[in-house]
Amino acid sequence: MDKVKPENKFITANNLNLRYLEWSSPGAVSIVLLHGLCGNAHYWDFFAQNMRSGYHILALDQRGHGDSGWAQSYGPKYYVLDLEAFVAQLGLDDIVLIGHSMGGINAIIYAARHPELVSRLVIADIGPEISAEGIERMERERTGEPETFDSEEEAISYMRRIEPRQSDKFIQHQVFYALRHDERGRLRFKYDRALLSTELRSPQWLWEYVSQVVCPSLLVHGIESDMLTTEVAERVGRSLAFGSVVDIEHAGHSVPGDNPDAFEAAVRRFLGISGPSAM
C-alpha cells in the first residue's frame, strides 16, 4: 500500500485550537484515535496508514499535546469536552473510538455519555485500576526526563531506553513529530510540561463509566504491561455490556507501539475486516 500523508487540520473548541490528522475515505465509517499522556496524533500514523483505505480516520492532538493549544486546565473532564466539540463540529456519528492509556480513559467516558454516536470502542491497555509498579515507573520517567536535547539522535537514544520494545523505525518516527526547537535552538517535547504534574493514581471512578458503555468493546492488553494487570483487564471485560479482552504478546503498556502488527490484527478481527493485503 502506497503511503498517503494525512491532512493537517485545526478546529477551535473551548477557546483552544485543536489540531488533528485526517485520512479521508469518502463515505466510510469514521475511526477517531486518541493518544496517551504526553503523546500526539502521530502515534497512530502506522496504524492509520494501514487502515485508511477502508475507513475515514481522524487522530486528534488532545489539549496541551502535539500542535494543539495549551490550557489552564487538563484532565478527563476537559479532554472529553474537547472531544464532544470535535465530533459535533465535524458532524460525525456511528464512530469507532480507539484510545490508548489516557486516551482510553477519555474514550470510555465519551462512549458512556454518547451511546448514540459510538458504534464500537477499543481501549488500549488502561482500566480503572493501575498497578503500583506502572505508576512508580511513570514517576521515575517523568522526573528523569530531560527538558531539552542537543539533537534528534539524543532524543532517539532517550526514547530507546524508555521504550525498549519499540522498533527503531517507530521510535524515529515518533521523535520526529514530538519535538520542536526552542528560542535557543535546542529541542523540546511539544507537550505542555504542566502535564508532568498530572496526579498519577488509579481512576477508580472509571468503573461507573465502564458499566455504562453499551456498544461492542474490545480491551487490548499488553501481556508485559506494568499498568494493567490481567485480573483487572478481565474484570473490565466482564463489566462492559458487550466486552471482550485480547492479550498481546511482546507488548507492554504501549501496545500499539510495542507490537503494532498484533494490535492492528486484533482491531481488524474486532471490526470484522481482513488484513491490508486483501483490501
C-alpha atoms as a PDB file:
ATOM      1  CA  MET A   1       0.000   0.000   0.000  1.00  0.00           C
ATOM      2  CA  ASP A   2       1.380   3.394  -1.021  1.00  0.00           C
ATOM      3  CA  LYS A   3       1.860   5.880   1.786  1.00  0.00           C
ATOM      4  CA  VAL A   4      -0.564   8.766   1.845  1.00  0.00           C
ATOM      5  CA  LYS A   5       0.153  11.740   4.071  1.00  0.00           C
ATOM      6  CA  PRO A   6      -2.750  12.800   6.269  1.00  0.00           C
ATOM      7  CA  GLU A   7      -4.235  16.246   6.008  1.00  0.00           C
ATOM      8  CA  ASN A   8      -3.189  18.523   8.858  1.00  0.00           C
ATOM      9  CA  LYS A   9      -6.265  20.384  10.131  1.00  0.00           C
ATOM     10  CA  PHE A  10      -7.460  22.542  13.029  1.00  0.00           C
ATOM     11  CA  ILE A  11     -10.726  23.354  14.740  1.00  0.00           C
ATOM     12  CA  THR A  12     -11.475  25.831  17.519  1.00  0.00           C
ATOM     13  CA  ALA A  13     -13.118  24.264  20.558  1.00  0.00           C
ATOM     14  CA  ASN A  14     -13.497  25.560  24.109  1.00  0.00           C
ATOM     15  CA  ASN A  15     -11.310  28.563  23.227  1.00  0.00           C
ATOM     16  CA  LEU A  16      -8.463  26.321  22.035  1.00  0.00           C
ATOM     17  CA  ASN A  17      -7.039  25.491  18.647  1.00  0.00           C
ATOM     18  CA  LEU A  18      -7.131  21.708  18.370  1.00  0.00           C
ATOM     19  CA  ARG A  19      -5.106  20.040  15.665  1.00  0.00           C
ATOM     20  CA  TYR A  20      -5.994  16.731  14.065  1.00  0.00           C
ATOM     21  CA  LEU A  21      -4.807  14.484  11.254  1.00  0.00           C
ATOM     22  CA  GLU A  22      -7.274  13.185   8.692  1.00  0.00           C
ATOM     23  CA  TRP A  23      -7.013  10.266   6.285  1.00  0.00           C
ATOM     24  CA  SER A  24     -10.134  10.610   4.174  1.00  0.00           C
ATOM     25  CA  SER A  25     -12.096   7.740   2.648  1.00  0.00           C
ATOM     26  CA  PRO A  26     -15.363   9.240   1.350  1.00  0.00           C
ATOM     27  CA  GLY A  27     -18.481   7.652   2.772  1.00  0.00           C
ATOM     28  CA  ALA A  28     -16.574   5.308   5.071  1.00  0.00           C
ATOM     29  CA  VAL A  29     -17.127   4.774   8.790  1.00  0.00           C
ATOM     30  CA  SER A  30     -15.034   7.152  10.897  1.00  0.00           C
ATOM     31  CA  ILE A  31     -12.348   5.950  13.302  1.00  0.00           C
ATOM     32  CA  VAL A  32     -11.352   8.524  15.927  1.00  0.00           C
ATOM     33  CA  LEU A  33      -7.968   7.928  17.587  1.00  0.00           C
ATOM     34  CA  LEU A  34      -6.887   9.295  20.987  1.00  0.00           C
ATOM     35  CA  HIS A  35      -3.240   9.157  22.114  1.00  0.00           C
ATOM     36  CA  GLY A  36      -1.925   8.771  25.655  1.00  0.00           C
ATOM     37  CA  LEU A  37      -0.461  11.269  28.122  1.00  0.00           C
ATOM     38  CA  CYS A  38       2.375  13.348  26.606  1.00  0.00           C
ATOM     39  CA  GLY A  39       1.814  11.732  23.202  1.00  0.00           C
ATOM     40  CA  ASN A  40       0.403  13.153  19.988  1.00  0.00           C
ATOM     41  CA  ALA A  41      -1.687  12.223  16.961  1.00  0.00           C
ATOM     42  CA  HIS A  42       1.310  10.874  15.034  1.00  0.00           C
ATOM     43  CA  TYR A  43       1.464   7.956  17.489  1.00  0.00           C
ATOM     44  CA  TRP A  44      -1.211   6.415  15.236  1.00  0.00           C
ATOM     45  CA  ASP A  45       0.380   7.052  11.827  1.00  0.00           C
ATOM     46  CA  PHE A  46       1.370   3.463  11.018  1.00  0.00           C
ATOM     47  CA  PHE A  47      -1.968   2.069  12.169  1.00  0.00           C
ATOM     48  CA  ALA A  48      -3.887   4.736  10.261  1.00  0.00           C
ATOM     49  CA  GLN A  49      -1.857   4.181   7.100  1.00  0.00           C
ATOM     50  CA  ASN A  50      -2.804   0.506   7.073  1.00  0.00           C
ATOM     51  CA  MET A  51      -6.475   1.132   7.882  1.00  0.00           C
ATOM     52  CA  ARG A  52      -7.157   4.198   5.773  1.00  0.00           C
ATOM     53  CA  SER A  53      -8.491   2.517   2.616  1.00  0.00           C
ATOM     54  CA  GLY A  54     -11.488   1.153   4.493  1.00  0.00           C
ATOM     55  CA  TYR A  55     -12.149   3.935   6.985  1.00  0.00           C
ATOM     56  CA  HIS A  56     -12.262   7.690   7.431  1.00  0.00           C
ATOM     57  CA  ILE A  57      -9.569   8.138  10.066  1.00  0.00           C
ATOM     58  CA  LEU A  58      -9.090  11.103  12.398  1.00  0.00           C
ATOM     59  CA  ALA A  59      -6.339  11.367  15.009  1.00  0.00           C
ATOM     60  CA  LEU A  60      -6.674  14.213  17.490  1.00  0.00           C
ATOM     61  CA  ASP A  61      -3.932  16.106  19.320  1.00  0.00           C
ATOM     62  CA  GLN A  62      -5.651  16.474  22.687  1.00  0.00           C
ATOM     63  CA  ARG A  63      -5.260  19.799  24.501  1.00  0.00           C
ATOM     64  CA  GLY A  64      -1.711  20.510  25.643  1.00  0.00           C
ATOM     65  CA  HIS A  65      -0.289  17.879  23.287  1.00  0.00           C
ATOM     66  CA  GLY A  66       1.329  17.971  19.864  1.00  0.00           C
ATOM     67  CA  ASP A  67       0.308  21.036  17.879  1.00  0.00           C
ATOM     68  CA  SER A  68      -2.891  21.733  19.820  1.00  0.00           C
ATOM     69  CA  GLY A  69      -3.168  24.701  22.144  1.00  0.00           C
ATOM     70  CA  TRP A  70      -2.101  24.659  25.787  1.00  0.00           C
ATOM     71  CA  ALA A  71      -4.676  25.273  28.502  1.00  0.00           C
ATOM     72  CA  GLN A  72      -5.050  26.252  32.137  1.00  0.00           C
ATOM     73  CA  SER A  73      -6.867  23.014  32.937  1.00  0.00           C
ATOM     74  CA  TYR A  74      -6.237  19.399  31.992  1.00  0.00           C
ATOM     75  CA  GLY A  75      -7.887  16.129  32.913  1.00  0.00           C
ATOM     76  CA  PRO A  76     -10.630  13.811  31.626  1.00  0.00           C
ATOM     77  CA  LYS A  77     -13.398  16.375  32.091  1.00  0.00           C
ATOM     78  CA  TYR A  78     -11.718  18.824  29.719  1.00  0.00           C
ATOM     79  CA  TYR A  79     -10.443  16.244  27.219  1.00  0.00           C
ATOM     80  CA  VAL A  80     -13.966  14.848  26.862  1.00  0.00           C
ATOM     81  CA  LEU A  81     -15.467  18.317  26.440  1.00  0.00           C
ATOM     82  CA  ASP A  82     -12.982  18.883  23.608  1.00  0.00           C
ATOM     83  CA  LEU A  83     -13.849  15.530  22.054  1.00  0.00           C
ATOM     84  CA  GLU A  84     -17.552  16.356  22.212  1.00  0.00           C
ATOM     85  CA  ALA A  85     -16.900  19.640  20.391  1.00  0.00           C
ATOM     86  CA  PHE A  86     -14.653  17.893  17.857  1.00  0.00           C
ATOM     87  CA  VAL A  87     -17.244  15.238  16.975  1.00  0.00           C
ATOM     88  CA  ALA A  88     -20.044  17.810  16.832  1.00  0.00           C
ATOM     89  CA  GLN A  89     -18.170  20.259  14.602  1.00  0.00           C
ATOM     90  CA  LEU A  90     -17.195  17.551  12.140  1.00  0.00           C
ATOM     91  CA  GLY A  91     -20.710  16.102  12.168  1.00  0.00           C
ATOM     92  CA  LEU A  92     -19.513  12.598  12.983  1.00  0.00           C
ATOM     93  CA  ASP A  93     -21.711   9.714  14.071  1.00  0.00           C
ATOM     94  CA  ASP A  94     -21.554   5.927  14.236  1.00  0.00           C
ATOM     95  CA  ILE A  95     -17.848   6.250  15.027  1.00  0.00           C
ATOM     96  CA  VAL A  96     -15.293   3.661  16.039  1.00  0.00           C
ATOM     97  CA  LEU A  97     -13.479   5.195  19.005  1.00  0.00           C
ATOM     98  CA  ILE A  98      -9.971   3.976  19.871  1.00  0.00           C
ATOM     99  CA  GLY A  99      -7.924   5.295  22.799  1.00  0.00           C
ATOM    100  CA  HIS A 100      -4.607   4.377  24.357  1.00  0.00           C
ATOM    101  CA  SER A 101      -3.887   4.924  28.073  1.00  0.00           C
ATOM    102  CA  MET A 102      -5.131   8.445  28.921  1.00  0.00           C
ATOM    103  CA  GLY A 103      -6.902   8.441  25.568  1.00  0.00           C
ATOM    104  CA  GLY A 104      -8.561   5.174  26.573  1.00  0.00           C
ATOM    105  CA  ILE A 105      -9.939   6.759  29.736  1.00  0.00           C
ATOM    106  CA  ASN A 106     -11.359   9.636  27.697  1.00  0.00           C
ATOM    107  CA  ALA A 107     -12.787   7.191  25.145  1.00  0.00           C
ATOM    108  CA  ILE A 108     -14.589   5.179  27.829  1.00  0.00           C
ATOM    109  CA  ILE A 109     -16.192   8.299  29.279  1.00  0.00           C
ATOM    110  CA  TYR A 110     -17.238   9.571  25.864  1.00  0.00           C
ATOM    111  CA  ALA A 111     -18.706   6.210  24.831  1.00  0.00           C
ATOM    112  CA  ALA A 112     -20.671   6.011  28.083  1.00  0.00           C
ATOM    113  CA  ARG A 113     -22.030   9.530  27.652  1.00  0.00           C
ATOM    114  CA  HIS A 114     -22.792   9.259  23.930  1.00  0.00           C
ATOM    115  CA  PRO A 115     -24.032   5.759  23.115  1.00  0.00           C
ATOM    116  CA  GLU A 116     -25.880   7.147  20.105  1.00  0.00           C
ATOM    117  CA  LEU A 117     -22.609   8.235  18.466  1.00  0.00           C
ATOM    118  CA  VAL A 118     -20.178   5.386  19.207  1.00  0.00           C
ATOM    119  CA  SER A 119     -20.695   2.099  17.371  1.00  0.00           C
ATOM    120  CA  ARG A 120     -17.578   0.356  18.702  1.00  0.00           C
ATOM    121  CA  LEU A 121     -14.930   1.064  21.306  1.00  0.00           C
ATOM    122  CA  VAL A 122     -11.301  -0.097  21.517  1.00  0.00           C
ATOM    123  CA  ILE A 123      -9.407   0.512  24.764  1.00  0.00           C
ATOM    124  CA  ALA A 124      -5.633   0.056  24.645  1.00  0.00           C
ATOM    125  CA  ASP A 125      -4.149  -1.081  27.971  1.00  0.00           C
ATOM    126  CA  ILE A 126      -5.914   1.007  30.581  1.00  0.00           C
ATOM    127  CA  GLY A 127      -8.567   0.440  33.229  1.00  0.00           C
ATOM    128  CA  PRO A 128      -9.945   1.901  36.448  1.00  0.00           C
ATOM    129  CA  GLU A 129      -7.151   0.318  38.466  1.00  0.00           C
ATOM    130  CA  ILE A 130      -3.495   0.986  37.625  1.00  0.00           C
ATOM    131  CA  SER A 131      -0.795  -1.142  39.208  1.00  0.00           C
ATOM    132  CA  ALA A 132       1.658   0.475  41.611  1.00  0.00           C
ATOM    133  CA  GLU A 133       4.568  -0.773  39.503  1.00  0.00           C
ATOM    134  CA  GLY A 134       3.383   1.203  36.499  1.00  0.00           C
ATOM    135  CA  ILE A 135       2.783   4.364  38.494  1.00  0.00           C
ATOM    136  CA  GLU A 136       6.262   4.132  40.006  1.00  0.00           C
ATOM    137  CA  ARG A 137       7.821   3.682  36.554  1.00  0.00           C
ATOM    138  CA  MET A 138       5.975   6.709  35.175  1.00  0.00           C
ATOM    139  CA  GLU A 139       7.066   8.814  38.151  1.00  0.00           C
ATOM    140  CA  ARG A 140      10.697   7.805  37.553  1.00  0.00           C
ATOM    141  CA  GLU A 141      10.461   8.572  33.868  1.00  0.00           C
ATOM    142  CA  ARG A 142       8.962  11.985  34.216  1.00  0.00           C
ATOM    143  CA  THR A 143      11.311  13.095  36.991  1.00  0.00           C
ATOM    144  CA  GLY A 144      14.262  11.878  34.909  1.00  0.00           C
ATOM    145  CA  GLU A 145      13.099  13.280  31.580  1.00  0.00           C
ATOM    146  CA  PRO A 146      15.494  15.875  30.095  1.00  0.00           C
ATOM    147  CA  GLU A 147      13.960  19.278  29.449  1.00  0.00           C
ATOM    148  CA  THR A 148      15.907  19.674  26.212  1.00  0.00           C
ATOM    149  CA  PHE A 149      18.005  17.671  23.776  1.00  0.00           C
ATOM    150  CA  ASP A 150      21.011  18.757  21.731  1.00  0.00           C
ATOM    151  CA  SER A 151      19.956  16.671  18.751  1.00  0.00           C
ATOM    152  CA  GLU A 152      17.277  14.379  17.411  1.00  0.00           C
ATOM    153  CA  GLU A 153      19.709  11.484  17.831  1.00  0.00           C
ATOM    154  CA  GLU A 154      19.989  12.233  21.563  1.00  0.00           C
ATOM    155  CA  ALA A 155      16.185  12.170  21.847  1.00  0.00           C
ATOM    156  CA  ILE A 156      16.033   8.876  19.942  1.00  0.00           C
ATOM    157  CA  SER A 157      18.580   7.371  22.314  1.00  0.00           C
ATOM    158  CA  TYR A 158      16.486   8.510  25.276  1.00  0.00           C
ATOM    159  CA  MET A 159      13.313   7.039  23.793  1.00  0.00           C
ATOM    160  CA  ARG A 160      15.050   3.727  23.135  1.00  0.00           C
ATOM    161  CA  ARG A 161      15.801   3.475  26.858  1.00  0.00           C
ATOM    162  CA  ILE A 162      12.215   4.060  27.981  1.00  0.00           C
ATOM    163  CA  GLU A 163      10.525   2.157  25.125  1.00  0.00           C
ATOM    164  CA  PRO A 164      12.778  -0.902  24.674  1.00  0.00           C
ATOM    165  CA  ARG A 165      10.132  -2.973  22.854  1.00  0.00           C
ATOM    166  CA  GLN A 166       9.542  -0.474  20.064  1.00  0.00           C
ATOM    167  CA  SER A 167      11.296  -0.687  16.705  1.00  0.00           C
ATOM    168  CA  ASP A 168      13.829   1.926  15.653  1.00  0.00           C
ATOM    169  CA  LYS A 169      11.501   2.868  12.791  1.00  0.00           C
ATOM    170  CA  PHE A 170       8.615   3.532  15.173  1.00  0.00           C
ATOM    171  CA  ILE A 171      10.781   5.493  17.642  1.00  0.00           C
ATOM    172  CA  GLN A 172      12.414   7.622  14.955  1.00  0.00           C
ATOM    173  CA  HIS A 173       9.009   8.471  13.534  1.00  0.00           C
ATOM    174  CA  GLN A 174       7.642   9.447  16.945  1.00  0.00           C
ATOM    175  CA  VAL A 175      10.653  11.582  17.837  1.00  0.00           C
ATOM    176  CA  PHE A 176      10.500  13.428  14.513  1.00  0.00           C
ATOM    177  CA  TYR A 177       6.969  14.636  15.260  1.00  0.00           C
ATOM    178  CA  ALA A 178       7.283  15.015  19.037  1.00  0.00           C
ATOM    179  CA  LEU A 179       9.965  17.732  19.140  1.00  0.00           C
ATOM    180  CA  ARG A 180      10.197  21.444  18.478  1.00  0.00           C
ATOM    181  CA  HIS A 181      13.066  23.914  18.548  1.00  0.00           C
ATOM    182  CA  ASP A 182      13.031  26.462  21.375  1.00  0.00           C
ATOM    183  CA  GLU A 183      14.352  30.032  21.208  1.00  0.00           C
ATOM    184  CA  ARG A 184      17.889  28.761  21.849  1.00  0.00           C
ATOM    185  CA  GLY A 185      17.737  26.212  19.086  1.00  0.00           C
ATOM    186  CA  ARG A 186      17.506  23.239  21.421  1.00  0.00           C
ATOM    187  CA  LEU A 187      14.906  20.512  21.009  1.00  0.00           C
ATOM    188  CA  ARG A 188      11.993  20.136  23.423  1.00  0.00           C
ATOM    189  CA  PHE A 189       8.986  17.860  23.515  1.00  0.00           C
ATOM    190  CA  LYS A 190       5.973  19.748  22.179  1.00  0.00           C
ATOM    191  CA  TYR A 191       3.590  18.951  25.021  1.00  0.00           C
ATOM    192  CA  ASP A 192       2.903  21.385  27.854  1.00  0.00           C
ATOM    193  CA  ARG A 193       5.253  20.414  30.685  1.00  0.00           C
ATOM    194  CA  ALA A 194       2.448  21.253  33.106  1.00  0.00           C
ATOM    195  CA  LEU A 195       1.148  17.806  32.125  1.00  0.00           C
ATOM    196  CA  LEU A 196       4.050  16.280  34.050  1.00  0.00           C
ATOM    197  CA  SER A 197       2.348  17.388  37.262  1.00  0.00           C
ATOM    198  CA  THR A 198      -0.703  15.246  36.452  1.00  0.00           C
ATOM    199  CA  GLU A 199      -1.502  13.172  39.527  1.00  0.00           C
ATOM    200  CA  LEU A 200      -0.819   9.516  38.817  1.00  0.00           C
ATOM    201  CA  ARG A 201      -3.296   7.270  40.589  1.00  0.00           C
ATOM    202  CA  SER A 202      -5.957   4.726  39.793  1.00  0.00           C
ATOM    203  CA  PRO A 203      -9.140   6.305  38.375  1.00  0.00           C
ATOM    204  CA  GLN A 204     -11.445   4.103  40.435  1.00  0.00           C
ATOM    205  CA  TRP A 205     -14.370   6.320  39.472  1.00  0.00           C
ATOM    206  CA  LEU A 206     -13.994   5.000  35.915  1.00  0.00           C
ATOM    207  CA  TRP A 207     -15.750   1.732  36.874  1.00  0.00           C
ATOM    208  CA  GLU A 208     -19.068   3.594  36.773  1.00  0.00           C
ATOM    209  CA  TYR A 209     -18.451   4.682  33.191  1.00  0.00           C
ATOM    210  CA  VAL A 210     -17.234   1.213  32.151  1.00  0.00           C
ATOM    211  CA  SER A 211     -20.553  -0.246  33.293  1.00  0.00           C
ATOM    212  CA  GLN A 212     -22.442   2.356  31.227  1.00  0.00           C
ATOM    213  CA  VAL A 213     -20.775   1.546  27.894  1.00  0.00           C
ATOM    214  CA  VAL A 214     -23.305  -0.328  25.759  1.00  0.00           C
ATOM    215  CA  CYS A 215     -21.543  -0.674  22.395  1.00  0.00           C
ATOM    216  CA  PRO A 216     -19.355  -3.678  21.486  1.00  0.00           C
ATOM    217  CA  SER A 217     -15.993  -3.014  23.135  1.00  0.00           C
ATOM    218  CA  LEU A 218     -12.507  -4.509  22.986  1.00  0.00           C
ATOM    219  CA  LEU A 219      -9.820  -4.117  25.645  1.00  0.00           C
ATOM    220  CA  VAL A 220      -6.361  -4.738  24.173  1.00  0.00           C
ATOM    221  CA  HIS A 221      -3.995  -5.738  26.987  1.00  0.00           C
ATOM    222  CA  GLY A 222      -0.218  -5.935  26.754  1.00  0.00           C
ATOM    223  CA  ILE A 223       0.917  -9.188  28.378  1.00  0.00           C
ATOM    224  CA  GLU A 224       4.017  -7.430  29.741  1.00  0.00           C
ATOM    225  CA  SER A 225       2.154  -4.283  30.821  1.00  0.00           C
ATOM    226  CA  ASP A 226       3.105  -2.832  34.196  1.00  0.00           C
ATOM    227  CA  MET A 227      -0.005  -0.615  34.183  1.00  0.00           C
ATOM    228  CA  LEU A 228      -2.864  -3.034  33.645  1.00  0.00           C
ATOM    229  CA  THR A 229      -2.879  -6.446  35.282  1.00  0.00           C
ATOM    230  CA  THR A 230      -4.531  -9.472  33.698  1.00  0.00           C
ATOM    231  CA  GLU A 231      -7.002  -9.595  36.594  1.00  0.00           C
ATOM    232  CA  VAL A 232      -8.154  -6.002  36.116  1.00  0.00           C
ATOM    233  CA  ALA A 233      -8.305  -6.431  32.332  1.00  0.00           C
ATOM    234  CA  GLU A 234     -10.576  -9.459  32.719  1.00  0.00           C
ATOM    235  CA  ARG A 235     -12.772  -7.587  35.184  1.00  0.00           C
ATOM    236  CA  VAL A 236     -13.117  -4.687  32.720  1.00  0.00           C
ATOM    237  CA  GLY A 237     -14.104  -7.170  30.020  1.00  0.00           C
ATOM    238  CA  ARG A 238     -16.810  -8.614  32.273  1.00  0.00           C
ATOM    239  CA  SER A 239     -18.047  -5.165  33.314  1.00  0.00           C
ATOM    240  CA  LEU A 240     -18.577  -3.964  29.749  1.00  0.00           C
ATOM    241  CA  ALA A 241     -22.029  -4.810  28.404  1.00  0.00           C
ATOM    242  CA  PHE A 242     -20.582  -6.336  25.235  1.00  0.00           C
ATOM    243  CA  GLY A 243     -16.922  -6.534  26.153  1.00  0.00           C
ATOM    244  CA  SER A 244     -14.032  -8.757  25.180  1.00  0.00           C
ATOM    245  CA  VAL A 245     -10.330  -8.814  26.035  1.00  0.00           C
ATOM    246  CA  VAL A 246      -7.364  -9.779  23.900  1.00  0.00           C
ATOM    247  CA  ASP A 247      -3.853 -10.284  25.308  1.00  0.00           C
ATOM    248  CA  ILE A 248      -0.986  -9.151  23.081  1.00  0.00           C
ATOM    249  CA  GLU A 249       2.386 -10.862  23.438  1.00  0.00           C
ATOM    250  CA  HIS A 250       5.681  -8.953  23.290  1.00  0.00           C
ATOM    251  CA  ALA A 251       3.891  -5.781  24.376  1.00  0.00           C
ATOM    252  CA  GLY A 252       3.918  -3.658  27.492  1.00  0.00           C
ATOM    253  CA  HIS A 253       1.699  -0.670  28.190  1.00  0.00           C
ATOM    254  CA  SER A 254       2.310   0.918  24.793  1.00  0.00           C
ATOM    255  CA  VAL A 255       0.646  -1.905  22.873  1.00  0.00           C
ATOM    256  CA  PRO A 256       0.118  -0.067  19.532  1.00  0.00           C
ATOM    257  CA  GLY A 257       3.818   0.866  19.500  1.00  0.00           C
ATOM    258  CA  ASP A 258       5.305  -2.262  21.065  1.00  0.00           C
ATOM    259  CA  ASN A 259       3.569  -4.774  18.793  1.00  0.00           C
ATOM    260  CA  PRO A 260       1.778  -2.795  16.079  1.00  0.00           C
ATOM    261  CA  ASP A 261       1.079  -5.796  13.841  1.00  0.00           C
ATOM    262  CA  ALA A 262      -0.658  -7.746  16.608  1.00  0.00           C
ATOM    263  CA  PHE A 263      -2.573  -4.655  17.719  1.00  0.00           C
ATOM    264  CA  GLU A 264      -3.813  -3.996  14.205  1.00  0.00           C
ATOM    265  CA  ALA A 265      -4.741  -7.661  13.731  1.00  0.00           C
ATOM    266  CA  ALA A 266      -6.762  -7.615  16.969  1.00  0.00           C
ATOM    267  CA  VAL A 267      -8.626  -4.476  15.905  1.00  0.00           C
ATOM    268  CA  ARG A 268      -9.315  -5.910  12.458  1.00  0.00           C
ATOM    269  CA  ARG A 269     -10.766  -9.081  13.967  1.00  0.00           C
ATOM    270  CA  PHE A 270     -12.926  -6.990  16.297  1.00  0.00           C
ATOM    271  CA  LEU A 271     -14.192  -4.899  13.379  1.00  0.00           C
ATOM    272  CA  GLY A 272     -14.677  -7.958  11.197  1.00  0.00           C
ATOM    273  CA  ILE A 273     -12.351  -6.908   8.373  1.00  0.00           C
ATOM    274  CA  SER A 274      -9.498  -8.643   6.614  1.00  0.00           C
ATOM    275  CA  GLY A 275      -5.827  -7.712   6.527  1.00  0.00           C
ATOM    276  CA  PRO A 276      -4.391  -4.924   4.336  1.00  0.00           C
ATOM    277  CA  SER A 277      -3.201  -7.317   1.621  1.00  0.00           C
ATOM    278  CA  ALA A 278      -6.805  -8.280   0.909  1.00  0.00           C
ATOM    279  CA  MET A 279      -8.202  -4.782   0.865  1.00  0.00           C
END
